[in-house]
Amino acid sequence: MVEAGTDRFGVEIKEATNFVNVELFLVDLASYAPVDAFYEKVEREVPRLDILVENAALAQVEFIPTPDGWEHQ
């Protein structure tokens, strides 16, 4: 789920916090299928989740529906 070049964020967090158990997952929030896949992956592979940082900083000026029929933001 991690895109090329983004692994540096996990490295930066590890260096800044001295916490080595950092995993980075990128999730496409444009539809629910990737969100469901992320949930299933975390449920299967992550025994404990202490911190979740979410960032979906995008604002559309016009209404654009997602493939699921929700407003795309």
C-alpha atoms as a PDB file:
ATOM      1  CA  MET A   1       0.000   0.000   0.000  1.00  0.00           C
ATOM      2  CA  VAL A   2       2.988   2.324   0.300  1.00  0.00           C
ATOM      3  CA  GLU A   3       3.805   4.260  -2.851  1.00  0.00           C
ATOM      4  CA  ALA A   4       7.364   4.661  -4.070  1.00  0.00           C
ATOM      5  CA  GLY A   5       9.143   7.544  -2.373  1.00  0.00           C
ATOM      6  CA  THR A   6       6.714   7.856   0.525  1.00  0.00           C
ATOM      7  CA  ASP A   7       8.603   5.445   2.797  1.00  0.00           C
ATOM      8  CA  ARG A   8      10.745   8.428   3.821  1.00  0.00           C
ATOM      9  CA  PHE A   9       7.842   9.653   5.981  1.00  0.00           C
ATOM     10  CA  GLY A  10       8.010   6.504   8.082  1.00  0.00           C
ATOM     11  CA  VAL A  11      11.791   6.937   8.352  1.00  0.00           C
ATOM     12  CA  GLU A  12      11.372  10.570   9.425  1.00  0.00           C
ATOM     13  CA  ILE A  13       8.862   9.598  12.113  1.00  0.00           C
ATOM     14  CA  LYS A  14      11.193   6.877  13.413  1.00  0.00           C
ATOM     15  CA  GLU A  15      14.128   9.305  13.559  1.00  0.00           C
ATOM     16  CA  ALA A  16      12.112  12.092  15.215  1.00  0.00           C
ATOM     17  CA  THR A  17      10.512   9.866  17.850  1.00  0.00           C
ATOM     18  CA  ASN A  18      13.053   7.044  18.347  1.00  0.00           C
ATOM     19  CA  PHE A  19      10.097   4.686  17.956  1.00  0.00           C
ATOM     20  CA  VAL A  20      10.996   1.882  15.562  1.00  0.00           C
ATOM     21  CA  ASN A  21       7.573   0.231  15.197  1.00  0.00           C
ATOM     22  CA  VAL A  22       6.216   2.677  12.616  1.00  0.00           C
ATOM     23  CA  GLU A  23       4.274   1.479   9.586  1.00  0.00           C
ATOM     24  CA  LEU A  24       3.014   3.694   6.809  1.00  0.00           C
ATOM     25  CA  PHE A  25      -0.125   2.856   4.835  1.00  0.00           C
ATOM     26  CA  LEU A  26      -1.511   5.066   2.091  1.00  0.00           C
ATOM     27  CA  VAL A  27      -5.205   4.697   1.327  1.00  0.00           C
ATOM     28  CA  ASP A  28      -7.102   6.114  -1.638  1.00  0.00           C
ATOM     29  CA  LEU A  29     -10.176   7.719  -0.102  1.00  0.00           C
ATOM     30  CA  ALA A  30     -11.964   8.320  -3.424  1.00  0.00           C
ATOM     31  CA  SER A  31     -14.129   5.208  -2.915  1.00  0.00           C
ATOM     32  CA  TYR A  32     -14.881   2.738  -0.150  1.00  0.00           C
ATOM     33  CA  ALA A  33     -13.187  -0.297  -1.740  1.00  0.00           C
ATOM     34  CA  PRO A  34      -9.638   0.834  -0.813  1.00  0.00           C
ATOM     35  CA  VAL A  35     -10.847   1.857   2.654  1.00  0.00           C
ATOM     36  CA  ASP A  36     -12.380  -1.591   3.178  1.00  0.00           C
ATOM     37  CA  ALA A  37      -9.167  -3.221   1.913  1.00  0.00           C
ATOM     38  CA  PHE A  38      -7.144  -1.126   4.354  1.00  0.00           C
ATOM     39  CA  TYR A  39      -9.437  -2.134   7.217  1.00  0.00           C
ATOM     40  CA  GLU A  40      -9.092  -5.820   6.320  1.00  0.00           C
ATOM     41  CA  LYS A  41      -5.280  -5.526   6.083  1.00  0.00           C
ATOM     42  CA  VAL A  42      -5.008  -3.800   9.462  1.00  0.00           C
ATOM     43  CA  GLU A  43      -7.415  -6.280  11.042  1.00  0.00           C
ATOM     44  CA  ARG A  44      -5.286  -9.195   9.745  1.00  0.00           C
ATOM     45  CA  GLU A  45      -1.759  -7.847  10.161  1.00  0.00           C
ATOM     46  CA  VAL A  46      -1.688  -5.259  12.945  1.00  0.00           C
ATOM     47  CA  PRO A  47      -2.002  -6.748  16.433  1.00  0.00           C
ATOM     48  CA  ARG A  48      -2.168  -3.349  18.136  1.00  0.00           C
ATOM     49  CA  LEU A  49      -2.869   0.160  16.864  1.00  0.00           C
ATOM     50  CA  ASP A  50      -1.722   2.933  19.197  1.00  0.00           C
ATOM     51  CA  ILE A  51      -1.823   5.960  16.897  1.00  0.00           C
ATOM     52  CA  LEU A  52      -3.601   6.591  13.612  1.00  0.00           C
ATOM     53  CA  VAL A  53      -2.836   9.783  11.704  1.00  0.00           C
ATOM     54  CA  GLU A  54      -5.320  10.522   8.953  1.00  0.00           C
ATOM     55  CA  ASN A  55      -5.004  13.265   6.384  1.00  0.00           C
ATOM     56  CA  ALA A  56      -7.527  13.732   3.624  1.00  0.00           C
ATOM     57  CA  ALA A  57      -6.846  17.380   2.877  1.00  0.00           C
ATOM     58  CA  LEU A  58      -8.610  18.075  -0.391  1.00  0.00           C
ATOM     59  CA  ALA A  59     -11.605  20.251  -1.137  1.00  0.00           C
ATOM     60  CA  GLN A  60     -13.566  20.224  -4.373  1.00  0.00           C
ATOM     61  CA  VAL A  61     -15.360  23.373  -5.502  1.00  0.00           C
ATOM     62  CA  GLU A  62     -18.044  21.463  -7.388  1.00  0.00           C
ATOM     63  CA  PHE A  63     -20.049  18.378  -6.422  1.00  0.00           C
ATOM     64  CA  ILE A  64     -18.386  15.262  -7.832  1.00  0.00           C
ATOM     65  CA  PRO A  65     -19.810  11.903  -6.738  1.00  0.00           C
ATOM     66  CA  THR A  66     -17.563   8.939  -5.930  1.00  0.00           C
ATOM     67  CA  PRO A  67     -18.209   5.601  -7.657  1.00  0.00           C
ATOM     68  CA  ASP A  68     -20.157   4.727  -4.509  1.00  0.00           C
ATOM     69  CA  GLY A  69     -22.441   7.767  -4.906  1.00  0.00           C
ATOM     70  CA  TRP A  70     -20.999   9.799  -2.022  1.00  0.00           C
ATOM     71  CA  GLU A  71     -19.626  13.302  -2.365  1.00  0.00           C
ATOM     72  CA  HIS A  72     -15.988  13.251  -3.453  1.00  0.00           C
ATOM     73  CA  GLN A  73     -13.901  15.520  -1.236  1.00  0.00           C
END
